[in-house]
Amino acid sequence: MISASAIFSIVIFLCLLIPIIALVILSIIKLLEKEFDYLQMENKQIQLQTQLHQMEYLQLSQQIRPHFLFNSLNAMMSLARLNRNEDLIQSMEKFSLFLRYQNKEKGSLIPFESELEHTKNYLAIQQMRFGKKLEVEIMIDERALPTHLPPYTLQTFVENAFKHGIENKRGEKRLKIELHREGNWVILKVLDNGNSENEPFITNGDGTGLENIRKRLELLFELHTEVSMKRKPGWTEVKAIWPYSPGESQ
């Protein structure tokens, strides 16, 4: 039988233990509340950062489109000045396909095949402008397909080749488009024979062009991406590298 003194000791012990347990539980609750508040704040920061990235990407994407419009209109004006009415009509048909593409492609990533088809419309306009002087070569590694990239990536590279190289070159004008895959990476190259050895590299002061593509790739892919331009004997090469992404458009 438990003595009165033992019962008294147990009661005293419980009286001391219960506040301690309550204090520990209260401390744990406060820690959990702080952790919850921190996670909520962190989640809001992530959401805000995502929204900022989306806004930045949208702004970058919208910067690209006017350049195609101006370049295409300039090409068609050249045909008009030469009174090449039939070629002008065909180029306007190709131009209308671009406008349709612009309204159709709303994703941040699109299939490369769609981008290539769109770029071919621009090339068709330039082909009418330069005729047999322009030679275009397209080489696609089937192992790189399907892959996805930001809209107007290839288009921008090709426009850059014409604007800063091919248009000012006399004689034969050559353009190469190459897509291949190395492991988990896709590599896109656009080469032209337009620039002379002594001409400086072109950088766009308005934030568009190649720098635009570089920023958009960085925003869309967590892994390494790259946009670069260099000279090879007789050629200027613009290159983009991004992770192989066979999934659906975003």
Protein backbone atom coordinates (compact mmCIF):
# COMPACT_ATOMS: atom_id res chain seq x y z
CA MET A 1 0.00 0.00 0.00
CA ILE A 2 1.34 3.44 -1.02
CA SER A 3 2.08 5.65 1.92
CA ALA A 4 0.69 9.15 2.26
CA SER A 5 4.16 10.65 1.90
CA ALA A 6 4.66 8.80 -1.41
CA ILE A 7 1.33 10.03 -2.74
CA PHE A 8 2.23 13.54 -1.66
CA SER A 9 5.57 13.28 -3.48
CA ILE A 10 3.84 12.06 -6.66
CA VAL A 11 1.36 14.93 -6.51
CA ILE A 12 4.17 17.43 -6.04
CA PHE A 13 6.09 15.85 -8.94
CA LEU A 14 3.05 16.01 -11.24
CA CYS A 15 2.40 19.58 -10.21
CA LEU A 16 5.93 20.45 -11.25
CA LEU A 17 5.92 18.27 -14.38
CA ILE A 18 2.62 19.43 -15.89
CA PRO A 19 3.68 23.10 -16.25
CA ILE A 20 6.99 21.97 -17.76
CA ILE A 21 5.16 19.74 -20.27
CA ALA A 22 2.74 22.58 -21.04
CA LEU A 23 5.68 24.95 -21.55
CA VAL A 24 7.39 22.48 -23.90
CA ILE A 25 4.16 21.96 -25.87
CA LEU A 26 3.62 25.72 -26.07
CA SER A 27 7.20 26.21 -27.29
CA ILE A 28 6.72 23.53 -29.94
CA ILE A 29 3.46 25.16 -31.08
CA LYS A 30 5.18 28.54 -31.35
CA LEU A 31 8.05 27.02 -33.32
CA LEU A 32 5.57 25.33 -35.65
CA GLU A 33 3.71 28.61 -36.08
CA LYS A 34 6.96 30.40 -36.91
CA GLU A 35 7.88 27.64 -39.36
CA PHE A 36 4.43 27.84 -40.93
CA ASP A 37 4.68 31.63 -41.23
CA TYR A 38 8.15 31.27 -42.75
CA LEU A 39 6.92 28.70 -45.26
CA GLN A 40 3.98 30.93 -46.16
CA MET A 41 6.29 33.89 -46.68
CA GLU A 42 8.71 31.76 -48.69
CA ASN A 43 5.84 30.47 -50.82
CA LYS A 44 4.67 34.03 -51.47
CA GLN A 45 8.21 35.00 -52.46
CA ILE A 46 8.40 32.04 -54.84
CA GLN A 47 5.02 32.97 -56.34
CA LEU A 48 6.12 36.58 -56.70
CA GLN A 49 9.41 35.51 -58.28
CA THR A 50 7.54 33.24 -60.69
CA GLN A 51 5.19 36.07 -61.64
CA LEU A 52 8.15 38.40 -62.18
CA HIS A 53 9.83 35.78 -64.39
CA GLN A 54 6.63 35.34 -66.36
CA MET A 55 6.29 39.10 -66.83
CA GLU A 56 9.94 39.40 -67.82
CA TYR A 57 9.60 36.50 -70.27
CA LEU A 58 6.45 38.00 -71.80
CA GLN A 59 8.19 41.34 -72.22
CA LEU A 60 11.19 39.69 -73.87
CA SER A 61 8.95 37.66 -76.15
CA GLN A 62 7.04 40.74 -77.27
CA GLN A 63 10.29 42.55 -78.10
CA ILE A 64 11.17 39.94 -80.73
CA ARG A 65 8.04 40.17 -82.88
CA PRO A 66 8.36 43.74 -84.21
CA HIS A 67 11.82 42.91 -85.58
CA PHE A 68 10.39 40.20 -87.81
CA LEU A 69 7.66 42.58 -88.99
CA PHE A 70 10.14 45.31 -89.92
CA ASN A 71 12.57 42.92 -91.62
CA SER A 72 9.83 41.21 -93.62
CA LEU A 73 8.34 44.55 -94.70
CA ASN A 74 11.78 45.75 -95.79
CA ALA A 75 12.21 42.62 -97.89
CA MET A 76 8.81 43.12 -99.51
CA MET A 77 9.58 46.80 -100.16
CA SER A 78 12.70 45.71 -102.05
CA LEU A 79 10.53 43.51 -104.28
CA ALA A 80 8.10 46.38 -104.83
CA ARG A 81 10.88 48.78 -105.87
CA LEU A 82 12.03 46.23 -108.46
CA ASN A 83 8.44 45.86 -109.76
CA ARG A 84 8.55 42.12 -109.07
CA ASN A 85 4.83 42.00 -108.47
CA GLU A 86 4.39 38.23 -108.62
CA ASP A 87 7.14 37.68 -106.05
CA LEU A 88 5.65 40.46 -103.93
CA ILE A 89 2.25 38.75 -103.88
CA GLN A 90 3.82 35.43 -102.87
CA SER A 91 5.88 37.09 -100.15
CA MET A 92 2.72 38.72 -98.77
CA GLU A 93 1.11 35.28 -98.62
CA LYS A 94 4.09 34.01 -96.60
CA PHE A 95 3.86 37.08 -94.40
CA SER A 96 0.20 36.32 -93.65
CA LEU A 97 1.28 32.85 -92.48
CA PHE A 98 3.57 34.52 -89.96
CA LEU A 99 0.68 36.56 -88.58
CA ARG A 100 -1.31 33.36 -88.22
CA TYR A 101 1.63 31.72 -86.43
CA GLN A 102 1.91 34.71 -84.08
CA ASN A 103 -1.71 34.32 -83.02
CA LYS A 104 -1.47 30.53 -82.75
CA GLU A 105 1.70 30.02 -80.71
CA LYS A 106 1.05 31.27 -77.16
CA GLY A 107 3.24 28.86 -75.17
CA SER A 108 6.61 29.66 -73.63
CA LEU A 109 8.02 26.51 -75.27
CA ILE A 110 7.00 25.21 -78.69
CA PRO A 111 8.02 22.23 -80.85
CA PHE A 112 11.11 22.85 -82.96
CA GLU A 113 9.21 21.64 -86.02
CA SER A 114 6.71 24.51 -85.62
CA GLU A 115 9.52 27.03 -85.25
CA LEU A 116 11.27 25.66 -88.34
CA GLU A 117 8.09 25.78 -90.41
CA HIS A 118 7.54 29.39 -89.37
CA THR A 119 11.14 30.32 -90.19
CA LYS A 120 10.79 28.76 -93.63
CA ASN A 121 8.10 31.36 -94.41
CA TYR A 122 10.64 34.10 -93.68
CA LEU A 123 13.27 32.29 -95.75
CA ALA A 124 10.80 32.03 -98.64
CA ILE A 125 10.46 35.82 -98.63
CA GLN A 126 14.24 36.23 -98.68
CA GLN A 127 14.54 33.57 -101.39
CA MET A 128 12.21 35.61 -103.60
CA ARG A 129 14.28 38.69 -102.86
CA PHE A 130 17.73 37.25 -103.61
CA GLY A 131 16.80 34.49 -106.04
CA LYS A 132 19.52 32.03 -106.99
CA LYS A 133 22.15 34.04 -105.12
CA LEU A 134 20.80 32.65 -101.85
CA GLU A 135 21.50 29.05 -100.88
CA VAL A 136 19.89 27.61 -97.74
CA GLU A 137 20.92 24.28 -96.20
CA ILE A 138 18.99 22.66 -93.32
CA MET A 139 20.41 19.66 -91.43
CA ILE A 140 18.33 18.09 -88.65
CA ASP A 141 19.53 15.28 -86.37
CA GLU A 142 16.47 13.10 -85.77
CA ARG A 143 17.86 12.18 -82.33
CA ALA A 144 17.24 15.78 -81.26
CA LEU A 145 13.52 15.48 -82.00
CA PRO A 146 11.10 16.05 -80.52
CA THR A 147 12.50 19.04 -78.68
CA HIS A 148 11.04 22.34 -77.53
CA LEU A 149 12.42 25.87 -77.49
CA PRO A 150 11.18 29.45 -76.95
CA PRO A 151 9.20 30.87 -79.90
CA TYR A 152 11.21 32.93 -82.41
CA THR A 153 14.58 31.48 -81.33
CA LEU A 154 15.52 30.08 -84.74
CA GLN A 155 13.73 32.98 -86.43
CA THR A 156 15.89 35.49 -84.53
CA PHE A 157 19.12 33.67 -85.41
CA VAL A 158 18.20 33.62 -89.10
CA GLU A 159 17.18 37.29 -89.09
CA ASN A 160 20.48 38.14 -87.40
CA ALA A 161 22.35 36.31 -90.18
CA PHE A 162 20.59 38.32 -92.88
CA LYS A 163 20.66 41.70 -91.18
CA HIS A 164 24.31 41.66 -90.11
CA GLY A 165 25.83 39.48 -92.81
CA ILE A 166 24.06 38.12 -95.86
CA GLU A 167 22.24 41.29 -96.95
CA ASN A 168 25.49 43.22 -97.40
CA LYS A 169 27.45 40.42 -99.05
CA ARG A 170 28.05 40.48 -102.78
CA GLY A 171 27.85 37.31 -104.80
CA GLU A 172 26.84 33.96 -103.35
CA LYS A 173 24.94 34.13 -100.06
CA ARG A 174 24.85 30.96 -97.96
CA LEU A 175 22.92 30.08 -94.83
CA LYS A 176 23.09 26.84 -92.81
CA ILE A 177 20.69 25.68 -90.10
CA GLU A 178 21.89 22.74 -88.00
CA LEU A 179 20.17 20.97 -85.11
CA HIS A 180 21.75 18.05 -83.31
CA ARG A 181 21.84 16.38 -79.92
CA GLU A 182 24.79 15.60 -77.67
CA GLY A 183 23.72 13.51 -74.69
CA ASN A 184 21.10 15.48 -72.74
CA TRP A 185 21.74 18.69 -74.65
CA VAL A 186 20.30 20.10 -77.86
CA ILE A 187 22.53 22.33 -79.99
CA LEU A 188 21.15 24.72 -82.60
CA LYS A 189 23.52 26.46 -85.02
CA VAL A 190 22.89 29.06 -87.71
CA LEU A 191 25.85 29.86 -89.94
CA ASP A 192 26.20 32.47 -92.68
CA ASN A 193 29.02 33.48 -95.01
CA GLY A 194 28.16 37.19 -94.91
CA ASN A 195 30.57 38.81 -92.45
CA SER A 196 34.07 39.81 -93.44
CA GLU A 197 37.00 38.97 -91.17
CA ASN A 198 37.46 42.62 -90.15
CA GLU A 199 33.82 43.40 -89.29
CA PRO A 200 33.12 43.64 -85.55
CA PHE A 201 30.56 41.49 -83.85
CA ILE A 202 27.08 42.98 -83.69
CA THR A 203 25.44 43.59 -80.35
CA ASN A 204 21.91 44.91 -80.02
CA GLY A 205 21.74 47.99 -77.83
CA ASP A 206 17.97 47.73 -77.41
CA GLY A 207 18.09 44.43 -75.51
CA THR A 208 16.64 42.33 -78.30
CA GLY A 209 18.15 39.73 -80.61
CA LEU A 210 20.68 37.24 -79.29
CA GLU A 211 20.68 38.68 -75.76
CA ASN A 212 16.90 38.33 -75.70
CA ILE A 213 17.16 34.62 -76.55
CA ARG A 214 19.85 34.10 -73.91
CA LYS A 215 17.66 35.63 -71.19
CA ARG A 216 14.57 33.66 -72.22
CA LEU A 217 16.46 30.36 -72.16
CA GLU A 218 17.79 31.18 -68.68
CA LEU A 219 14.27 31.92 -67.44
CA LEU A 220 12.79 28.71 -68.86
CA PHE A 221 15.45 26.12 -68.01
CA GLU A 222 17.03 25.45 -64.61
CA LEU A 223 19.96 23.60 -66.18
CA HIS A 224 22.76 25.14 -68.22
CA THR A 225 21.86 27.13 -71.34
CA GLU A 226 24.09 29.07 -73.68
CA VAL A 227 23.91 31.51 -76.59
CA SER A 228 27.15 32.42 -78.34
CA MET A 229 28.50 33.85 -81.57
CA LYS A 230 31.90 33.18 -83.12
CA ARG A 231 33.73 33.24 -86.42
CA LYS A 232 34.97 30.23 -88.30
CA PRO A 233 36.92 30.40 -91.59
CA GLY A 234 34.46 31.91 -94.06
CA TRP A 235 31.51 31.72 -91.67
CA THR A 236 29.85 33.40 -88.71
CA GLU A 237 28.21 30.92 -86.34
CA VAL A 238 25.46 31.65 -83.83
CA LYS A 239 24.80 28.79 -81.41
CA ALA A 240 22.25 27.97 -78.70
CA ILE A 241 22.43 25.08 -76.22
CA TRP A 242 19.59 23.97 -73.95
CA PRO A 243 18.47 20.76 -72.16
CA TYR A 244 16.75 18.14 -74.29
CA SER A 245 13.04 18.48 -73.50
CA PRO A 246 10.82 16.08 -75.47
CA GLY A 247 7.74 16.92 -73.37
CA GLU A 248 4.67 18.89 -74.34
CA SER A 249 4.60 22.60 -75.06
CA GLN A 250 4.18 24.89 -72.07
